[in-house]
Amino acid sequence: MVLDELAHKYHATAWKEADKASSCQITLSLPSGQLHTITLLKPLSGMNVSGIHIKPFLKNGIKPEQIALCYDEMEKPFGKSMIRFAGSARGHNGVRSAIEQIGPHFWQLRFGIARPAEKSMVADYVLSPFTAEEKIDLASKIDDCLAILGL
């Protein structure tokens, strides 16, 4: 959702299939004074192997420190975002996959989704849509997230 909002904000609408349709990407042209372009990548495969879609960017001259991985964070309240450079996966399988593919030296943009009441509910919880109450604040929370990136 954060990537979709970023694409919308910069008037980009044509997501293209990549990696034999296991991911999609879009390139944004940014206003002067910022980076010229950025590419957004959304894996369509399972979260646990999402890092395989990042590795090809290294072959195209992108350095790991130029990559920002945006992901859900259960340890933060809904909509609370933070960014950090490098570090561990902290139990997040998608981040672990990225680290396995490109190493730990990339930006991690964590978007809080809070934790479900019971541990047994985690899998269903992270795959469920936001609640009606959360959707009310979602646009402003995503804007906060994008502001952390300076976008």
N, C-alpha and C. Protein backbone atom coordinates (compact mmCIF):
# COMPACT_ATOMS: atom_id res chain seq x y z
N MET A 1 0.82 -1.20 0.00
CA MET A 1 0.00 0.00 0.00
C MET A 1 0.87 1.26 0.00
N VAL A 2 1.98 1.22 0.72
CA VAL A 2 2.88 2.37 0.75
C VAL A 2 3.43 2.62 -0.65
N LEU A 3 3.83 1.56 -1.34
CA LEU A 3 4.37 1.73 -2.70
C LEU A 3 3.29 2.21 -3.66
N ASP A 4 2.08 1.71 -3.53
CA ASP A 4 0.99 2.18 -4.39
C ASP A 4 0.73 3.67 -4.16
N GLU A 5 0.76 4.09 -2.92
CA GLU A 5 0.53 5.50 -2.60
C GLU A 5 1.66 6.36 -3.15
N LEU A 6 2.88 5.89 -3.05
CA LEU A 6 4.02 6.63 -3.59
C LEU A 6 3.88 6.76 -5.12
N ALA A 7 3.52 5.68 -5.79
CA ALA A 7 3.32 5.73 -7.24
C ALA A 7 2.21 6.72 -7.59
N HIS A 8 1.12 6.67 -6.85
CA HIS A 8 0.00 7.58 -7.09
C HIS A 8 0.42 9.04 -6.88
N LYS A 9 1.18 9.29 -5.83
CA LYS A 9 1.60 10.65 -5.51
C LYS A 9 2.41 11.27 -6.65
N TYR A 10 3.18 10.45 -7.35
CA TYR A 10 4.01 10.95 -8.45
C TYR A 10 3.42 10.60 -9.81
N HIS A 11 2.11 10.35 -9.83
CA HIS A 11 1.33 10.17 -11.06
C HIS A 11 1.83 9.04 -11.95
N ALA A 12 2.30 7.98 -11.35
CA ALA A 12 2.73 6.80 -12.09
C ALA A 12 1.66 5.73 -11.92
N THR A 13 1.22 5.17 -13.00
CA THR A 13 0.11 4.23 -12.91
C THR A 13 0.38 2.89 -13.59
N ALA A 14 1.45 2.80 -14.35
CA ALA A 14 1.67 1.60 -15.17
C ALA A 14 2.67 0.65 -14.53
N TRP A 15 2.21 -0.15 -13.58
CA TRP A 15 3.06 -1.19 -13.02
C TRP A 15 3.33 -2.21 -14.12
N LYS A 16 4.55 -2.65 -14.26
CA LYS A 16 4.94 -3.61 -15.29
C LYS A 16 5.35 -4.92 -14.63
N GLU A 17 4.94 -6.01 -15.25
CA GLU A 17 5.36 -7.32 -14.75
C GLU A 17 6.84 -7.50 -15.00
N ALA A 18 7.51 -8.12 -14.07
CA ALA A 18 8.95 -8.39 -14.18
C ALA A 18 9.20 -9.80 -13.65
N ASP A 19 10.39 -10.29 -13.82
CA ASP A 19 10.77 -11.61 -13.29
C ASP A 19 9.76 -12.70 -13.64
N LYS A 20 9.35 -12.74 -14.90
CA LYS A 20 8.35 -13.74 -15.33
C LYS A 20 7.09 -13.65 -14.49
N ALA A 21 6.67 -12.42 -14.24
CA ALA A 21 5.43 -12.10 -13.51
C ALA A 21 5.47 -12.47 -12.04
N SER A 22 6.66 -12.66 -11.47
CA SER A 22 6.71 -12.93 -10.03
C SER A 22 6.93 -11.64 -9.23
N SER A 23 7.04 -10.52 -9.95
CA SER A 23 7.08 -9.21 -9.31
C SER A 23 6.60 -8.18 -10.32
N CYS A 24 6.35 -6.99 -9.84
CA CYS A 24 6.02 -5.90 -10.75
C CYS A 24 6.78 -4.67 -10.29
N GLN A 25 7.04 -3.78 -11.24
CA GLN A 25 7.81 -2.59 -10.90
C GLN A 25 7.31 -1.40 -11.69
N ILE A 26 7.69 -0.23 -11.20
CA ILE A 26 7.32 1.02 -11.83
C ILE A 26 8.44 2.01 -11.55
N THR A 27 8.74 2.86 -12.50
CA THR A 27 9.77 3.88 -12.32
C THR A 27 9.10 5.23 -12.22
N LEU A 28 9.48 6.00 -11.22
CA LEU A 28 8.90 7.32 -10.99
C LEU A 28 9.89 8.40 -11.38
N SER A 29 9.39 9.44 -11.99
CA SER A 29 10.19 10.64 -12.23
C SER A 29 9.85 11.62 -11.13
N LEU A 30 10.86 12.06 -10.41
CA LEU A 30 10.64 12.94 -9.27
C LEU A 30 10.92 14.39 -9.64
N PRO A 31 10.33 15.33 -8.91
CA PRO A 31 10.59 16.74 -9.18
C PRO A 31 12.07 17.08 -9.01
N SER A 32 12.51 18.14 -9.66
CA SER A 32 13.91 18.55 -9.52
C SER A 32 14.20 18.85 -8.06
N GLY A 33 15.45 18.68 -7.68
CA GLY A 33 15.84 18.87 -6.29
C GLY A 33 15.84 17.57 -5.52
N GLN A 34 15.26 16.52 -6.10
CA GLN A 34 15.28 15.19 -5.49
C GLN A 34 16.01 14.26 -6.44
N LEU A 35 16.09 13.00 -6.06
CA LEU A 35 16.62 12.01 -6.99
C LEU A 35 15.88 12.15 -8.32
N HIS A 36 16.52 11.83 -9.41
CA HIS A 36 15.85 11.96 -10.70
C HIS A 36 14.76 10.92 -10.88
N THR A 37 15.10 9.67 -10.63
CA THR A 37 14.12 8.60 -10.75
C THR A 37 14.34 7.57 -9.64
N ILE A 38 13.29 6.89 -9.31
CA ILE A 38 13.39 5.73 -8.41
C ILE A 38 12.53 4.62 -9.00
N THR A 39 12.92 3.40 -8.73
CA THR A 39 12.14 2.25 -9.17
C THR A 39 11.54 1.59 -7.95
N LEU A 40 10.24 1.34 -8.01
CA LEU A 40 9.54 0.62 -6.96
C LEU A 40 9.34 -0.82 -7.42
N LEU A 41 9.53 -1.74 -6.53
CA LEU A 41 9.41 -3.16 -6.85
C LEU A 41 8.48 -3.82 -5.84
N LYS A 42 7.46 -4.52 -6.34
CA LYS A 42 6.54 -5.26 -5.48
C LYS A 42 6.63 -6.74 -5.82
N PRO A 43 7.19 -7.54 -4.93
CA PRO A 43 7.21 -8.99 -5.16
C PRO A 43 5.79 -9.54 -5.14
N LEU A 44 5.51 -10.45 -6.03
CA LEU A 44 4.21 -11.10 -6.06
C LEU A 44 4.32 -12.54 -5.57
N SER A 45 5.55 -12.96 -5.34
CA SER A 45 5.79 -14.30 -4.80
C SER A 45 5.58 -14.26 -3.30
N GLY A 46 5.79 -15.33 -2.64
CA GLY A 46 5.64 -15.36 -1.19
C GLY A 46 6.65 -14.45 -0.50
N MET A 47 6.24 -13.91 0.63
CA MET A 47 7.09 -13.01 1.39
C MET A 47 8.43 -13.64 1.73
N ASN A 48 8.42 -14.93 2.02
CA ASN A 48 9.65 -15.58 2.50
C ASN A 48 10.76 -15.62 1.46
N VAL A 49 10.45 -15.38 0.19
CA VAL A 49 11.48 -15.37 -0.86
C VAL A 49 11.53 -14.03 -1.59
N SER A 50 11.01 -13.00 -0.98
CA SER A 50 10.93 -11.70 -1.65
C SER A 50 12.31 -11.12 -2.00
N GLY A 51 13.34 -11.51 -1.31
CA GLY A 51 14.69 -10.99 -1.58
C GLY A 51 15.23 -11.35 -2.94
N ILE A 52 14.75 -12.43 -3.53
CA ILE A 52 15.27 -12.83 -4.84
C ILE A 52 14.96 -11.80 -5.92
N HIS A 53 13.97 -10.97 -5.70
CA HIS A 53 13.60 -9.95 -6.68
C HIS A 53 14.48 -8.72 -6.59
N ILE A 54 15.19 -8.56 -5.49
CA ILE A 54 16.06 -7.41 -5.29
C ILE A 54 17.44 -7.64 -5.90
N LYS A 55 17.93 -8.84 -5.81
CA LYS A 55 19.30 -9.15 -6.25
C LYS A 55 19.61 -8.70 -7.68
N PRO A 56 18.72 -8.84 -8.66
CA PRO A 56 19.05 -8.40 -10.01
C PRO A 56 19.40 -6.91 -10.12
N PHE A 57 18.91 -6.10 -9.20
CA PHE A 57 19.23 -4.67 -9.23
C PHE A 57 20.73 -4.45 -9.01
N LEU A 58 21.36 -5.32 -8.24
CA LEU A 58 22.80 -5.19 -8.00
C LEU A 58 23.57 -5.38 -9.30
N LYS A 59 23.09 -6.25 -10.16
CA LYS A 59 23.74 -6.47 -11.45
C LYS A 59 23.61 -5.26 -12.37
N ASN A 60 22.65 -4.41 -12.10
CA ASN A 60 22.43 -3.20 -12.89
C ASN A 60 23.10 -1.97 -12.27
N GLY A 61 24.00 -2.19 -11.31
CA GLY A 61 24.77 -1.09 -10.74
C GLY A 61 24.18 -0.44 -9.50
N ILE A 62 23.04 -0.91 -9.04
CA ILE A 62 22.46 -0.38 -7.81
C ILE A 62 23.22 -0.98 -6.64
N LYS A 63 23.58 -0.15 -5.69
CA LYS A 63 24.29 -0.62 -4.50
C LYS A 63 23.27 -0.90 -3.39
N PRO A 64 23.56 -1.87 -2.52
CA PRO A 64 22.61 -2.16 -1.44
C PRO A 64 22.22 -0.92 -0.64
N GLU A 65 23.15 -0.01 -0.40
CA GLU A 65 22.82 1.18 0.40
C GLU A 65 21.90 2.15 -0.34
N GLN A 66 21.59 1.89 -1.60
CA GLN A 66 20.64 2.70 -2.37
C GLN A 66 19.25 2.07 -2.36
N ILE A 67 19.11 0.98 -1.66
CA ILE A 67 17.84 0.25 -1.61
C ILE A 67 17.14 0.52 -0.28
N ALA A 68 15.83 0.76 -0.36
CA ALA A 68 15.00 0.89 0.83
C ALA A 68 13.92 -0.17 0.76
N LEU A 69 13.89 -1.04 1.74
CA LEU A 69 12.91 -2.11 1.82
C LEU A 69 11.80 -1.66 2.76
N CYS A 70 10.60 -1.61 2.26
CA CYS A 70 9.44 -1.20 3.07
C CYS A 70 8.69 -2.46 3.48
N TYR A 71 8.43 -2.60 4.77
CA TYR A 71 7.73 -3.80 5.22
C TYR A 71 6.91 -3.53 6.47
N ASP A 72 5.99 -4.47 6.75
CA ASP A 72 5.13 -4.36 7.92
C ASP A 72 5.90 -4.71 9.18
N GLU A 73 5.56 -4.04 10.25
CA GLU A 73 6.26 -4.22 11.52
C GLU A 73 5.23 -4.40 12.63
N MET A 74 5.14 -5.63 13.17
CA MET A 74 4.17 -5.90 14.22
C MET A 74 4.57 -5.30 15.57
N GLU A 75 5.82 -4.97 15.75
CA GLU A 75 6.27 -4.44 17.04
C GLU A 75 5.99 -2.95 17.20
N LYS A 76 5.44 -2.33 16.18
CA LYS A 76 5.10 -0.90 16.22
C LYS A 76 3.59 -0.75 16.14
N PRO A 77 3.05 0.28 16.78
CA PRO A 77 1.61 0.54 16.66
C PRO A 77 1.24 0.84 15.21
N PHE A 78 -0.01 0.64 14.87
CA PHE A 78 -0.47 0.88 13.52
C PHE A 78 -0.06 2.28 13.03
N GLY A 79 0.56 2.31 11.88
CA GLY A 79 0.93 3.57 11.24
C GLY A 79 2.19 4.22 11.73
N LYS A 80 2.79 3.71 12.78
CA LYS A 80 4.05 4.26 13.28
C LYS A 80 5.16 3.74 12.39
N SER A 81 5.89 4.65 11.75
CA SER A 81 6.96 4.26 10.83
C SER A 81 8.30 4.71 11.36
N MET A 82 9.32 3.97 10.96
CA MET A 82 10.68 4.38 11.27
C MET A 82 11.60 3.78 10.23
N ILE A 83 12.75 4.39 10.08
CA ILE A 83 13.73 3.90 9.12
C ILE A 83 15.04 3.68 9.84
N ARG A 84 15.76 2.67 9.40
CA ARG A 84 17.09 2.42 9.94
C ARG A 84 17.95 1.85 8.82
N PHE A 85 19.24 2.01 8.96
CA PHE A 85 20.16 1.47 7.98
C PHE A 85 20.81 0.22 8.54
N ALA A 86 20.76 -0.84 7.77
CA ALA A 86 21.37 -2.12 8.11
C ALA A 86 20.68 -2.75 9.31
N GLY A 87 21.20 -3.85 9.74
CA GLY A 87 20.65 -4.52 10.90
C GLY A 87 20.10 -5.90 10.56
N SER A 88 19.54 -6.52 11.56
CA SER A 88 19.05 -7.88 11.43
C SER A 88 17.61 -7.90 10.91
N ALA A 89 17.12 -9.09 10.67
CA ALA A 89 15.75 -9.28 10.19
C ALA A 89 14.73 -9.18 11.33
N ARG A 90 15.19 -9.35 12.56
CA ARG A 90 14.30 -9.31 13.73
C ARG A 90 13.10 -10.24 13.56
N GLY A 91 13.34 -11.40 12.96
CA GLY A 91 12.27 -12.38 12.82
C GLY A 91 11.38 -12.19 11.60
N HIS A 92 11.61 -11.16 10.81
CA HIS A 92 10.77 -10.91 9.63
C HIS A 92 11.33 -11.70 8.45
N ASN A 93 10.57 -12.65 7.94
CA ASN A 93 11.06 -13.53 6.89
C ASN A 93 11.38 -12.81 5.59
N GLY A 94 10.64 -11.80 5.24
CA GLY A 94 10.91 -11.04 4.03
C GLY A 94 12.23 -10.30 4.13
N VAL A 95 12.51 -9.72 5.28
CA VAL A 95 13.78 -9.02 5.50
C VAL A 95 14.92 -10.03 5.51
N ARG A 96 14.70 -11.17 6.14
CA ARG A 96 15.71 -12.23 6.15
C ARG A 96 16.07 -12.63 4.72
N SER A 97 15.07 -12.77 3.86
CA SER A 97 15.31 -13.12 2.47
C SER A 97 16.15 -12.06 1.76
N ALA A 98 15.86 -10.79 2.01
CA ALA A 98 16.64 -9.70 1.40
C ALA A 98 18.08 -9.75 1.89
N ILE A 99 18.28 -9.96 3.17
CA ILE A 99 19.64 -10.03 3.73
C ILE A 99 20.40 -11.21 3.12
N GLU A 100 19.73 -12.33 2.95
CA GLU A 100 20.39 -13.49 2.34
C GLU A 100 20.83 -13.20 0.91
N GLN A 101 20.09 -12.38 0.20
CA GLN A 101 20.37 -12.10 -1.20
C GLN A 101 21.37 -10.97 -1.41
N ILE A 102 21.29 -9.90 -0.61
CA ILE A 102 22.12 -8.72 -0.87
C ILE A 102 22.95 -8.26 0.32
N GLY A 103 22.86 -8.96 1.43
CA GLY A 103 23.58 -8.55 2.63
C GLY A 103 22.73 -7.58 3.45
N PRO A 104 23.22 -7.16 4.62
CA PRO A 104 22.41 -6.36 5.54
C PRO A 104 22.48 -4.85 5.35
N HIS A 105 23.27 -4.36 4.42
CA HIS A 105 23.51 -2.91 4.33
C HIS A 105 22.57 -2.21 3.37
N PHE A 106 21.28 -2.20 3.72
CA PHE A 106 20.26 -1.47 2.97
C PHE A 106 19.34 -0.79 3.99
N TRP A 107 18.53 0.13 3.49
CA TRP A 107 17.60 0.86 4.36
C TRP A 107 16.38 -0.01 4.63
N GLN A 108 15.91 0.04 5.87
CA GLN A 108 14.71 -0.69 6.26
C GLN A 108 13.67 0.31 6.74
N LEU A 109 12.60 0.42 5.98
CA LEU A 109 11.49 1.30 6.33
C LEU A 109 10.38 0.43 6.90
N ARG A 110 10.17 0.58 8.19
CA ARG A 110 9.22 -0.27 8.91
C ARG A 110 7.91 0.49 9.11
N PHE A 111 6.80 -0.12 8.66
CA PHE A 111 5.47 0.46 8.79
C PHE A 111 4.70 -0.36 9.81
N GLY A 112 4.37 0.26 10.94
CA GLY A 112 3.71 -0.45 12.03
C GLY A 112 2.32 -0.94 11.70
N ILE A 113 2.07 -2.20 12.04
CA ILE A 113 0.72 -2.77 11.87
C ILE A 113 0.18 -3.30 13.20
N ALA A 114 0.96 -3.17 14.26
CA ALA A 114 0.60 -3.69 15.59
C ALA A 114 0.60 -5.21 15.59
N ARG A 115 0.42 -5.77 16.73
CA ARG A 115 0.48 -7.23 16.89
C ARG A 115 -0.92 -7.73 17.27
N PRO A 116 -1.32 -8.89 16.73
CA PRO A 116 -2.62 -9.44 17.11
C PRO A 116 -2.59 -9.89 18.57
N ALA A 117 -3.77 -10.07 19.12
CA ALA A 117 -3.89 -10.43 20.53
C ALA A 117 -3.21 -11.76 20.85
N GLU A 118 -3.29 -12.72 19.93
CA GLU A 118 -2.73 -14.05 20.20
C GLU A 118 -1.72 -14.43 19.12
N LYS A 119 -0.65 -15.10 19.53
CA LYS A 119 0.40 -15.50 18.61
C LYS A 119 -0.12 -16.40 17.49
N SER A 120 -1.10 -17.22 17.79
CA SER A 120 -1.66 -18.13 16.78
C SER A 120 -2.36 -17.39 15.65
N MET A 121 -2.65 -16.11 15.84
CA MET A 121 -3.37 -15.32 14.84
C MET A 121 -2.44 -14.57 13.89
N VAL A 122 -1.13 -14.64 14.09
CA VAL A 122 -0.18 -13.82 13.34
C VAL A 122 -0.30 -14.00 11.84
N ALA A 123 -0.28 -15.23 11.35
CA ALA A 123 -0.31 -15.48 9.89
C ALA A 123 -1.54 -14.86 9.24
N ASP A 124 -2.71 -15.11 9.81
CA ASP A 124 -3.94 -14.54 9.24
C ASP A 124 -3.95 -13.02 9.39
N TYR A 125 -3.44 -12.53 10.50
CA TYR A 125 -3.45 -11.09 10.79
C TYR A 125 -2.65 -10.30 9.75
N VAL A 126 -1.43 -10.73 9.45
CA VAL A 126 -0.59 -9.96 8.52
C VAL A 126 -1.09 -10.03 7.08
N LEU A 127 -1.89 -11.03 6.77
CA LEU A 127 -2.44 -11.16 5.41
C LEU A 127 -3.83 -10.56 5.27
N SER A 128 -4.39 -10.08 6.36
CA SER A 128 -5.74 -9.52 6.33
C SER A 128 -5.71 -8.04 5.93
N PRO A 129 -6.80 -7.57 5.31
CA PRO A 129 -6.87 -6.14 5.00
C PRO A 129 -6.96 -5.32 6.29
N PHE A 130 -6.66 -4.04 6.17
CA PHE A 130 -6.79 -3.17 7.33
C PHE A 130 -8.26 -3.07 7.74
N THR A 131 -8.50 -2.81 9.02
CA THR A 131 -9.86 -2.65 9.52
C THR A 131 -10.43 -1.32 9.01
N ALA A 132 -11.74 -1.17 9.13
CA ALA A 132 -12.38 0.08 8.71
C ALA A 132 -11.81 1.26 9.48
N GLU A 133 -11.56 1.07 10.77
CA GLU A 133 -10.99 2.13 11.61
C GLU A 133 -9.58 2.49 11.14
N GLU A 134 -8.77 1.50 10.82
CA GLU A 134 -7.40 1.74 10.34
C GLU A 134 -7.41 2.44 8.99
N LYS A 135 -8.35 2.08 8.13
CA LYS A 135 -8.42 2.67 6.79
C LYS A 135 -8.69 4.18 6.86
N ILE A 136 -9.37 4.63 7.89
CA ILE A 136 -9.65 6.06 8.05
C ILE A 136 -8.35 6.84 8.15
N ASP A 137 -7.38 6.32 8.89
CA ASP A 137 -6.11 7.01 9.10
C ASP A 137 -5.01 6.58 8.14
N LEU A 138 -5.29 5.61 7.28
CA LEU A 138 -4.24 5.01 6.47
C LEU A 138 -3.53 6.00 5.56
N ALA A 139 -4.26 6.85 4.87
CA ALA A 139 -3.62 7.80 3.93
C ALA A 139 -2.63 8.71 4.67
N SER A 140 -3.02 9.24 5.82
CA SER A 140 -2.11 10.13 6.55
C SER A 140 -0.92 9.35 7.12
N LYS A 141 -1.13 8.10 7.53
CA LYS A 141 -0.02 7.29 8.05
C LYS A 141 0.97 6.95 6.93
N ILE A 142 0.45 6.67 5.73
CA ILE A 142 1.34 6.41 4.60
C ILE A 142 2.10 7.68 4.23
N ASP A 143 1.44 8.84 4.29
CA ASP A 143 2.14 10.10 4.03
C ASP A 143 3.28 10.30 5.03
N ASP A 144 3.03 9.96 6.30
CA ASP A 144 4.09 10.05 7.31
C ASP A 144 5.26 9.14 6.94
N CYS A 145 4.94 7.95 6.47
CA CYS A 145 5.95 6.98 6.06
C CYS A 145 6.78 7.53 4.89
N LEU A 146 6.10 8.11 3.91
CA LEU A 146 6.81 8.68 2.75
C LEU A 146 7.66 9.87 3.16
N ALA A 147 7.20 10.64 4.13
CA ALA A 147 7.98 11.79 4.60
C ALA A 147 9.31 11.35 5.20
N ILE A 148 9.33 10.19 5.85
CA ILE A 148 10.57 9.66 6.40
C ILE A 148 11.59 9.45 5.29
N LEU A 149 11.10 9.08 4.11
CA LEU A 149 11.97 8.89 2.95
C LEU A 149 12.31 10.20 2.25
N GLY A 150 11.69 11.28 2.68
CA GLY A 150 11.89 12.57 2.02
C GLY A 150 11.12 12.68 0.73
N LEU A 151 10.02 11.94 0.61
CA LEU A 151 9.22 11.93 -0.62
C LEU A 151 7.82 12.45 -0.38
